[in-house]
Protein backbone atom coordinates (compact mmCIF):
# COMPACT_ATOMS: atom_id res chain seq x y z
CA MET A 1 29.07 0.96 12.20
CA PRO A 2 29.63 4.08 10.12
CA LYS A 3 28.94 7.25 12.24
CA GLY A 4 25.15 8.05 11.25
CA GLU A 5 23.87 5.01 10.74
CA ILE A 6 20.78 2.83 13.13
CA GLU A 7 21.04 -0.66 12.56
CA LEU A 8 16.91 -1.95 12.36
CA PRO A 9 16.16 -5.32 13.31
CA ASP A 10 15.87 -8.43 11.36
CA GLU A 11 11.78 -8.31 11.71
CA ILE A 12 12.00 -4.55 11.42
CA LYS A 13 13.83 -4.68 7.96
CA ALA A 14 11.89 -7.81 6.84
CA GLN A 15 8.65 -4.94 6.41
CA PHE A 16 10.66 -2.64 4.20
CA GLY A 17 10.01 -3.12 0.08
CA PRO A 18 12.69 -2.12 -2.50
CA GLY A 19 11.91 1.50 -3.62
CA ASP A 20 10.33 2.34 -0.12
CA GLU A 21 11.03 5.68 1.56
CA TYR A 22 10.80 6.86 4.83
CA GLN A 23 10.79 10.35 7.00
CA VAL A 24 12.84 10.17 9.63
CA PHE A 25 11.25 11.95 12.68
CA LEU A 26 12.71 12.60 16.81
CA ILE A 27 9.60 12.75 19.17
CA GLU A 28 10.60 12.99 22.27
CA ASN A 29 13.02 9.73 23.51
CA SER A 30 11.21 8.05 20.37
CA ILE A 31 12.56 8.04 16.17
CA VAL A 32 10.00 7.77 14.10
CA LEU A 33 9.79 5.98 10.60
CA LYS A 34 6.82 7.35 8.46
CA LYS A 35 6.66 5.74 4.72
CA ILE A 36 6.28 8.30 2.33
CA GLN A 37 2.67 7.40 -0.35
CA LYS A 38 4.03 8.01 -3.77
CA GLU A 39 1.38 8.80 -6.56
CA LEU A 40 0.90 5.95 -8.64
CA ASP A 41 0.92 6.36 -12.01
CA ILE A 42 -1.76 5.17 -14.62
CA LYS A 43 0.29 2.33 -15.36
CA GLU A 44 0.68 1.36 -12.07
CA TRP A 45 -2.89 1.71 -11.27
CA PHE A 46 -3.94 -0.93 -14.14
CA ARG A 47 -1.31 -2.89 -13.27
CA ARG A 48 -2.43 -3.73 -9.10
CA ILE A 49 -6.09 -3.68 -10.20
CA GLU A 50 -5.19 -6.23 -12.83
CA GLU A 51 -3.45 -8.20 -10.36
CA LEU A 52 -6.19 -8.16 -7.73
CA GLY A 53 -8.40 -10.18 -10.38
CA PRO A 54 -11.87 -10.08 -10.66
CA ASP A 55 -14.07 -9.46 -7.87
CA PRO A 56 -16.16 -12.66 -6.54
CA ASN A 57 -18.59 -10.33 -5.17
CA GLN A 58 -19.23 -8.72 -8.74
CA PRO A 59 -23.48 -8.81 -8.86
CA THR A 60 -24.00 -10.35 -12.81
CA LEU A 61 -25.84 -7.96 -15.44
CA GLU A 62 -29.23 -9.71 -14.17
CA GLU A 63 -29.00 -9.21 -10.90
CA ILE A 64 -28.28 -6.02 -11.06
CA SER A 65 -30.99 -5.41 -13.48
CA LYS A 66 -33.17 -6.79 -10.70
CA ILE A 67 -31.58 -4.12 -8.75
CA VAL A 68 -32.26 -1.34 -10.72
CA LYS A 69 -35.90 -2.42 -12.00
CA GLU A 70 -37.07 -2.64 -8.01
CA VAL A 71 -35.63 1.14 -7.32
């Protein structure tokens, strides 16, 4: 193994996604990898919402009207 590299167990590597970036910290005697959360652009945001599909618990317009009238 080249100097300065570490080998991770397969079960850890399986958690990494393509393009994921991590910060590395040394805390006491532990090496900690923290995933860097990237800001989503609007296209990615809509793609993720579309991927989720419709909300099965979304009330119908009639149910919403009834709730509004009750309030």
